[in-house]
Protein backbone atom coordinates (compact mmCIF):
# COMPACT_ATOMS: atom_id res chain seq x y z
CA MET A 1 -7.99 48.78 2.27
CA ARG A 2 -6.42 49.40 5.57
CA ARG A 3 -6.48 52.93 7.04
CA ARG A 4 -4.36 54.29 9.90
CA ILE A 5 -6.80 54.71 12.65
CA ALA A 6 -6.15 55.84 16.30
CA VAL A 7 -8.63 56.00 19.20
CA VAL A 8 -7.71 58.33 22.07
CA GLY A 9 -8.89 56.84 25.33
CA ALA A 10 -9.17 53.33 26.75
CA GLY A 11 -12.48 53.61 28.30
CA PRO A 12 -15.71 51.67 27.41
CA ALA A 13 -16.09 53.63 24.11
CA GLY A 14 -12.57 53.54 22.87
CA LEU A 15 -12.12 49.81 23.88
CA THR A 16 -15.41 48.67 22.24
CA PHE A 17 -14.53 50.49 19.11
CA ALA A 18 -11.05 48.93 18.96
CA ARG A 19 -12.49 45.49 19.91
CA VAL A 20 -14.82 45.38 17.01
CA LEU A 21 -12.23 46.49 14.62
CA HIS A 22 -9.97 43.74 16.10
CA ARG A 23 -12.71 41.11 15.55
CA HIS A 24 -12.64 42.20 11.83
CA GLU A 25 -8.69 42.12 11.76
CA HIS A 26 -8.43 45.80 11.29
CA PRO A 27 -5.43 47.39 13.21
CA VAL A 28 -6.13 50.40 15.46
CA ALA A 29 -3.71 52.40 17.64
CA ILE A 30 -5.17 52.79 21.24
CA VAL A 31 -3.62 55.64 23.11
CA GLU A 32 -4.28 56.34 26.83
CA ARG A 33 -2.76 58.84 29.16
CA ASP A 34 -3.05 56.74 32.26
CA PRO A 35 0.32 55.10 32.86
CA ALA A 36 -1.15 51.69 33.37
CA PRO A 37 -4.48 49.96 33.63
CA ASP A 38 -4.64 50.02 37.34
CA ALA A 39 -3.27 53.48 37.70
CA ARG A 40 -6.69 54.78 39.06
CA PRO A 41 -9.56 53.06 40.65
CA PRO A 42 -11.94 51.66 37.94
CA GLY A 43 -15.00 53.06 39.63
CA GLY A 44 -18.20 51.50 40.62
CA THR A 45 -20.63 49.40 38.65
CA LEU A 46 -22.60 49.82 35.34
CA ASP A 47 -25.99 48.58 34.19
CA LEU A 48 -25.58 47.46 30.49
CA HIS A 49 -28.87 47.92 28.76
CA GLU A 50 -30.18 44.95 26.55
CA GLN A 51 -30.66 47.17 23.47
CA LEU A 52 -27.49 49.49 24.05
CA GLY A 53 -24.45 48.20 25.93
CA GLN A 54 -25.35 44.44 25.42
CA ARG A 55 -25.77 44.91 21.70
CA ALA A 56 -22.22 46.47 21.54
CA LEU A 57 -20.87 43.50 23.33
CA ASP A 58 -22.67 41.22 20.92
CA LYS A 59 -21.10 43.07 18.04
CA ALA A 60 -17.68 42.48 19.67
CA GLY A 61 -18.30 38.77 20.35
CA LEU A 62 -18.32 39.13 24.01
CA LEU A 63 -21.86 38.67 25.08
CA ALA A 64 -21.55 35.32 26.54
CA GLU A 65 -18.52 36.31 28.55
CA PHE A 66 -20.47 39.41 29.78
CA GLU A 67 -23.40 37.21 30.95
CA ALA A 68 -21.04 35.02 32.96
CA LEU A 69 -19.46 38.13 34.74
CA SER A 70 -22.64 40.26 35.15
CA ARG A 71 -25.00 40.30 38.21
CA PRO A 72 -28.73 40.28 37.09
CA GLU A 73 -29.59 40.44 40.82
CA GLY A 74 -27.89 43.84 40.88
CA GLN A 75 -30.87 45.31 39.05
CA ALA A 76 -32.81 45.17 42.55
CA MET A 77 -33.80 48.81 43.67
CA ARG A 78 -35.09 49.90 46.97
CA ILE A 79 -36.21 53.49 47.69
CA LEU A 80 -36.50 55.04 51.07
CA SER A 81 -37.81 58.27 52.38
CA PRO A 82 -35.28 60.23 54.54
CA ASP A 83 -36.92 58.86 57.62
CA GLY A 84 -36.22 55.24 56.48
CA THR A 85 -39.69 54.41 55.35
CA VAL A 86 -39.49 51.94 52.50
CA LEU A 87 -41.42 53.42 49.43
CA ARG A 88 -40.46 50.94 46.78
CA ASP A 89 -38.74 47.61 46.98
CA TRP A 90 -38.22 46.12 43.55
CA LYS A 91 -36.56 42.83 42.87
CA PRO A 92 -35.87 41.39 39.23
CA ARG A 93 -36.94 38.03 38.05
CA PRO A 94 -34.28 35.33 37.87
CA ASP A 95 -34.24 35.38 34.08
CA ASP A 96 -34.37 39.23 33.95
CA ARG A 97 -31.45 40.20 31.65
CA ALA A 98 -32.67 43.80 30.80
CA ASN A 99 -30.13 45.87 32.74
CA PRO A 100 -27.66 43.48 34.63
CA GLU A 101 -24.88 45.13 36.46
CA ILE A 102 -21.03 44.72 35.80
CA ASP A 103 -18.12 46.27 37.75
CA ARG A 104 -16.33 48.93 35.60
CA GLY A 105 -13.06 47.12 36.13
CA HIS A 106 -14.38 43.78 35.12
CA LEU A 107 -15.90 45.35 31.97
CA ARG A 108 -12.67 47.20 31.21
CA ASP A 109 -10.65 43.93 31.37
CA LEU A 110 -13.30 42.03 29.25
CA LEU A 111 -13.20 44.71 26.43
CA ARG A 112 -9.37 45.06 26.61
CA GLY A 113 -8.67 41.32 26.22
CA PRO A 114 -5.97 40.90 23.43
CA LEU A 115 -5.82 44.69 22.53
CA ASP A 116 -2.49 46.41 22.61
CA VAL A 117 -3.07 49.61 24.60
CA GLN A 118 -0.29 52.35 24.58
CA TRP A 119 -0.31 53.38 28.17
CA GLY A 120 1.11 56.70 29.31
CA ARG A 121 0.56 58.47 25.99
CA GLY A 122 -1.25 61.52 26.82
CA VAL A 123 -2.67 63.61 23.96
CA THR A 124 -2.38 67.45 24.08
CA GLN A 125 -4.10 68.27 20.77
CA VAL A 126 -5.51 66.84 17.52
CA VAL A 127 -5.15 68.88 14.43
CA PRO A 128 -7.08 68.19 11.24
CA ALA A 129 -4.62 67.79 8.19
CA GLY A 130 -6.00 67.26 4.87
CA ARG A 131 -8.19 64.07 4.82
CA GLY A 132 -6.62 63.07 8.07
CA ALA A 133 -5.42 64.36 11.44
CA LEU A 134 -2.17 64.87 13.30
CA VAL A 135 -2.03 63.88 17.08
CA HIS A 136 0.27 65.82 19.35
CA PHE A 137 1.37 63.84 22.32
CA ALA A 138 2.60 65.06 25.87
CA ASP A 139 6.01 63.88 25.17
CA GLY A 140 6.43 66.33 22.19
CA ARG A 141 6.06 63.68 19.50
CA GLN A 142 3.51 63.87 16.71
CA GLU A 143 1.90 61.17 14.59
CA GLY A 144 -0.49 61.37 11.62
CA PHE A 145 -3.63 59.14 10.96
CA ASP A 146 -6.35 58.82 8.44
CA LEU A 147 -8.82 58.96 11.33
CA VAL A 148 -8.52 60.00 14.95
CA VAL A 149 -11.41 59.02 17.27
CA GLY A 150 -11.78 61.04 20.45
CA ALA A 151 -13.14 58.71 23.19
CA ASP A 152 -11.28 60.69 25.84
CA GLY A 153 -14.08 61.76 28.10
CA ALA A 154 -15.68 65.08 29.42
CA TRP A 155 -12.65 67.05 29.15
CA SER A 156 -11.59 65.67 25.73
CA ARG A 157 -8.41 66.94 24.21
CA THR A 158 -9.83 65.76 20.71
CA ARG A 159 -13.14 67.63 20.86
CA PRO A 160 -11.52 71.14 19.98
CA ALA A 161 -10.73 69.73 16.71
CA VAL A 162 -14.40 69.58 15.81
CA SER A 163 -16.24 71.71 18.35
CA PRO A 164 -15.61 74.78 20.64
CA VAL A 165 -18.25 73.76 23.06
CA THR A 166 -17.17 72.85 26.66
CA PRO A 167 -19.19 71.13 29.60
CA ARG A 168 -21.26 73.41 31.85
CA TYR A 169 -21.82 72.57 35.50
CA THR A 170 -25.27 71.40 36.29
CA GLY A 171 -25.62 72.93 39.74
CA ILE A 172 -25.53 69.45 41.24
CA THR A 173 -22.53 67.81 42.74
CA SER A 174 -21.81 64.42 43.91
CA VAL A 175 -19.49 63.10 46.60
CA GLU A 176 -18.52 59.43 46.41
CA THR A 177 -17.36 57.13 49.08
CA THR A 178 -16.64 53.42 49.38
CA LEU A 179 -17.62 50.62 51.95
CA ASP A 180 -15.09 47.83 51.75
CA ASP A 181 -16.00 44.19 52.76
CA VAL A 182 -19.56 45.41 53.37
CA ASP A 183 -21.12 42.07 54.23
CA ALA A 184 -18.51 41.21 56.98
CA ARG A 185 -17.73 44.77 58.35
CA HIS A 186 -21.12 46.39 57.76
CA PRO A 187 -23.76 43.66 57.73
CA ASP A 188 -26.56 46.15 58.78
CA LEU A 189 -25.75 48.33 55.67
CA ALA A 190 -25.29 45.32 53.48
CA GLN A 191 -28.89 44.36 54.40
CA LEU A 192 -30.05 47.85 53.86
CA ILE A 193 -28.38 48.05 50.34
CA GLY A 194 -29.66 44.40 49.27
CA ASP A 195 -28.51 42.84 46.18
CA GLY A 196 -28.53 45.97 44.03
CA SER A 197 -29.18 49.68 45.08
CA VAL A 198 -30.84 51.67 47.68
CA ALA A 199 -31.77 55.30 47.09
CA VAL A 200 -33.13 58.06 49.40
CA TYR A 201 -34.38 61.29 48.07
CA GLY A 202 -34.97 64.45 50.03
CA GLU A 203 -35.33 68.15 49.20
CA ASN A 204 -32.55 69.04 46.58
CA ARG A 205 -30.43 66.03 47.76
CA SER A 206 -30.11 62.30 47.63
CA VAL A 207 -27.91 59.45 48.89
CA VAL A 208 -27.69 56.25 46.78
CA ALA A 209 -25.59 53.22 47.58
CA GLN A 210 -24.92 50.45 45.10
CA ARG A 211 -23.47 47.05 45.58
CA ASN A 212 -20.32 45.92 43.63
CA SER A 213 -19.18 42.37 43.00
CA ASP A 214 -16.12 42.32 45.22
CA GLY A 215 -17.62 43.08 48.65
CA ARG A 216 -17.69 46.75 48.03
CA ALA A 217 -20.46 49.21 48.08
CA THR A 218 -20.24 52.67 46.56
CA VAL A 219 -22.28 55.52 48.09
CA HIS A 220 -23.05 58.76 46.36
CA ALA A 221 -24.45 61.90 48.15
CA GLN A 222 -25.74 64.35 45.68
CA PHE A 223 -27.03 67.86 46.32
CA ARG A 224 -27.49 71.25 44.78
CA ALA A 225 -24.67 73.72 45.44
CA PRO A 226 -22.43 76.25 43.70
CA LEU A 227 -19.37 74.66 42.04
CA ASN A 228 -17.08 76.21 44.71
CA TRP A 229 -19.28 74.92 47.66
CA HIS A 230 -16.06 73.36 49.12
CA ALA A 231 -14.11 76.64 49.09
CA HIS A 232 -13.59 76.58 52.77
CA LEU A 233 -13.31 72.73 53.06
CA ASP A 234 -10.22 70.52 52.62
CA LEU A 235 -11.39 67.89 50.18
CA THR A 236 -8.28 65.86 51.09
CA ASP A 237 -9.46 65.55 54.80
CA PRO A 238 -11.94 62.73 55.05
CA GLU A 239 -13.23 63.72 58.31
CA ALA A 240 -13.90 67.20 57.29
CA VAL A 241 -15.76 66.09 54.27
CA ARG A 242 -17.70 63.58 56.31
CA SER A 243 -18.75 66.28 58.78
CA SER A 244 -19.91 68.51 56.02
CA LEU A 245 -21.94 65.77 54.40
CA LEU A 246 -23.57 64.75 57.69
CA THR A 247 -24.51 68.36 58.33
CA ARG A 248 -26.22 68.49 54.95
CA PHE A 249 -28.21 65.50 55.55
CA ASP A 250 -28.88 66.39 59.19
CA GLY A 251 -32.25 64.81 60.36
CA TRP A 252 -32.02 61.76 58.04
CA ALA A 253 -32.52 58.33 59.66
CA THR A 254 -29.34 56.86 61.23
CA PRO A 255 -28.93 53.86 58.91
CA ILE A 256 -28.90 56.31 55.95
CA LEU A 257 -26.41 58.61 57.46
CA ASP A 258 -24.32 55.55 58.48
CA LEU A 259 -23.67 55.03 54.67
CA LEU A 260 -21.77 58.37 54.93
CA HIS A 261 -20.43 57.96 58.36
CA ARG A 262 -18.63 54.75 57.70
CA GLY A 263 -17.11 55.62 54.30
CA SER A 264 -13.48 55.16 53.93
CA SER A 265 -12.60 58.16 51.73
CA PHE A 266 -14.39 60.87 49.52
CA VAL A 267 -14.14 61.77 45.95
CA HIS A 268 -15.73 65.03 44.71
CA ARG A 269 -17.50 64.78 41.32
CA PRO A 270 -19.44 67.78 40.26
CA LEU A 271 -21.69 66.91 37.35
CA HIS A 272 -21.20 68.62 34.08
CA VAL A 273 -23.08 68.13 30.84
CA LEU A 274 -22.74 69.21 27.17
CA PRO A 275 -25.82 70.63 25.47
CA ALA A 276 -28.31 67.94 24.52
CA SER A 277 -28.26 69.42 21.05
CA HIS A 278 -24.48 69.22 20.74
CA THR A 279 -23.46 68.58 17.12
CA TRP A 280 -20.69 69.84 14.85
CA THR A 281 -19.85 70.44 11.17
CA HIS A 282 -18.25 67.32 10.03
CA VAL A 283 -14.43 67.44 10.04
CA PRO A 284 -12.55 64.85 7.75
CA GLY A 285 -10.19 62.79 9.85
CA VAL A 286 -11.53 63.43 13.39
CA THR A 287 -14.75 62.26 15.12
CA LEU A 288 -15.90 61.67 18.80
CA LEU A 289 -17.59 59.00 20.94
CA GLY A 290 -19.26 58.91 24.36
CA ASP A 291 -18.67 61.75 26.81
CA ALA A 292 -16.32 63.46 24.37
CA ALA A 293 -19.39 63.82 22.04
CA HIS A 294 -22.39 64.01 24.33
CA LEU A 295 -21.57 64.31 27.96
CA MET A 296 -24.87 63.73 29.97
CA PRO A 297 -26.00 63.13 33.59
CA PRO A 298 -24.83 59.85 34.91
CA LEU A 299 -28.13 57.95 34.94
CA GLY A 300 -27.14 54.74 33.14
CA ALA A 301 -27.29 55.90 29.46
CA GLY A 302 -23.84 57.34 28.80
CA ALA A 303 -21.64 54.33 28.90
CA ASN A 304 -24.21 52.31 27.13
CA LEU A 305 -24.47 54.77 24.28
CA ALA A 306 -20.72 55.25 24.13
CA MET A 307 -20.17 51.30 23.79
CA LEU A 308 -22.92 51.06 21.15
CA GLU A 309 -21.42 54.06 19.16
CA GLY A 310 -17.94 52.58 19.31
CA ALA A 311 -19.33 49.23 17.97
CA GLU A 312 -21.28 50.90 15.20
CA LEU A 313 -18.51 53.24 14.11
CA ALA A 314 -16.16 50.22 13.82
CA GLU A 315 -18.88 48.32 11.81
CA VAL A 316 -19.28 51.20 9.30
CA ILE A 317 -15.58 51.60 8.71
CA VAL A 318 -15.17 47.83 8.04
CA ALA A 319 -18.21 47.93 5.62
CA ASP A 320 -16.96 50.90 3.64
CA PRO A 321 -13.18 51.24 4.12
CA ALA A 322 -12.69 52.97 0.60
CA ASP A 323 -14.79 55.94 1.64
CA LEU A 324 -13.87 56.52 5.21
CA ASP A 325 -14.93 60.16 5.34
CA GLU A 326 -18.48 59.41 4.22
CA ALA A 327 -18.83 56.40 6.40
CA VAL A 328 -17.90 58.42 9.48
CA GLY A 329 -20.25 61.32 8.47
CA THR A 330 -23.18 58.93 8.11
CA PHE A 331 -22.38 57.48 11.56
CA GLU A 332 -22.27 60.96 13.20
CA GLU A 333 -25.74 61.81 11.92
CA ARG A 334 -27.10 58.75 13.57
CA MET A 335 -25.17 59.26 16.79
CA TRP A 336 -26.38 62.75 17.18
CA ALA A 337 -30.07 61.87 16.91
CA ARG A 338 -29.96 59.01 19.37
CA ALA A 339 -27.71 60.83 21.88
CA GLY A 340 -29.76 63.97 21.70
CA ARG A 341 -32.80 62.14 22.78
CA TRP A 342 -31.05 60.42 25.68
CA ALA A 343 -29.39 63.57 26.79
CA THR A 344 -32.81 65.24 26.95
CA ILE A 345 -34.18 62.26 28.98
CA THR A 346 -31.28 62.14 31.40
CA THR A 347 -31.07 65.95 31.99
CA ALA A 348 -34.79 65.96 32.95
CA GLY A 349 -34.27 62.88 34.96
CA LEU A 350 -31.47 64.48 37.09
CA GLU A 351 -33.71 67.60 37.77
CA ARG A 352 -36.40 65.19 39.02
CA LEU A 353 -33.99 63.03 41.21
CA VAL A 354 -32.45 66.06 42.86
CA SER A 355 -35.50 68.21 43.24
CA PRO A 356 -37.12 70.55 45.62
CA ASN A 357 -40.01 67.91 45.56
CA PRO A 358 -38.73 64.49 46.60
CA ALA A 359 -41.92 62.91 45.36
CA ASP A 360 -40.68 63.76 41.74
CA ALA A 361 -37.77 61.36 42.24
CA VAL A 362 -39.89 58.44 43.34
CA ALA A 363 -42.53 58.90 40.59
CA LEU A 364 -39.53 58.88 38.10
CA PHE A 365 -39.10 55.18 38.78
CA ASP A 366 -42.75 54.38 38.13
CA ASP A 367 -42.49 56.05 34.72
CA VAL A 368 -41.86 53.94 31.59
CA GLN A 369 -38.51 54.93 30.08
CA PRO A 370 -38.15 54.94 26.39
CA GLY A 371 -35.70 52.43 24.85
């Protein structure tokens, strides 16, 4: 039995869901508001966990291709104090495949493969209708499906169909910048970052730089501040943002400040989350994946969970196509339990990484994290 299924959002969750269905020859409509795959910068890099994101890729038949694209050396992590003292310098073994890195753009292209994405189809609303749902598009058209899967991120237009809950600001904001052609143009910073990441933790603030595979490095400055901290700052003026950041990190070692000083442009990313306990009463015809379902701090778990959820939802649909509603309800129960555990872990982790006591952040990396 073939059901009409749509997934809203062509990110890691939506594409993994669609790719596993495609592997089982089950059609799915993929609708994405971006007008083209390259409409926005794809973002930095992701570490895909062996028991989460890599499992999802295995279910999609893409694990070997991922291994060819990924960077196991990117698991390297160096931690400095604000004065530049090296506190930790961890390098992975050559055969370590626990959390290899892959650029978000490479992962998106790998997952998209032969899939037909309907670009430029923004969704304004999803309305449950009988045992299915009606999707309202920004162009005024409507289309009905047996199941609509919301994989449309933090500010999901699908979520209101099942839950009134909206994300809350954590009190921590992130400002991201990029270093291009880092090895040739900034060899000193390339050496500082190494093959993976370098992180520096101070009182209620941090700077983290991470290598990408195309000669770029992304740099994140995180700090506690009100949501409107930039009220008197023009975020479109790179020099004004740079000056503000350098003031916030005044007194830190020059090489660390150079990560911000040499950045080309800046993107403001306030960190929002959904409650760790977020669930909803099951609604026939609609469900959620990833950030739409359980937005959590960006500490490596969110995209991994989203991909595994997408793969698992596709598998339960293929296994029990006759009772779609029961299959989705069973999947949701399993998703909520696992995501709730990880949301609790990552929320506590963020509090330690941007803490009044920088030693909390360093100690976090010495703790054994649950799988």
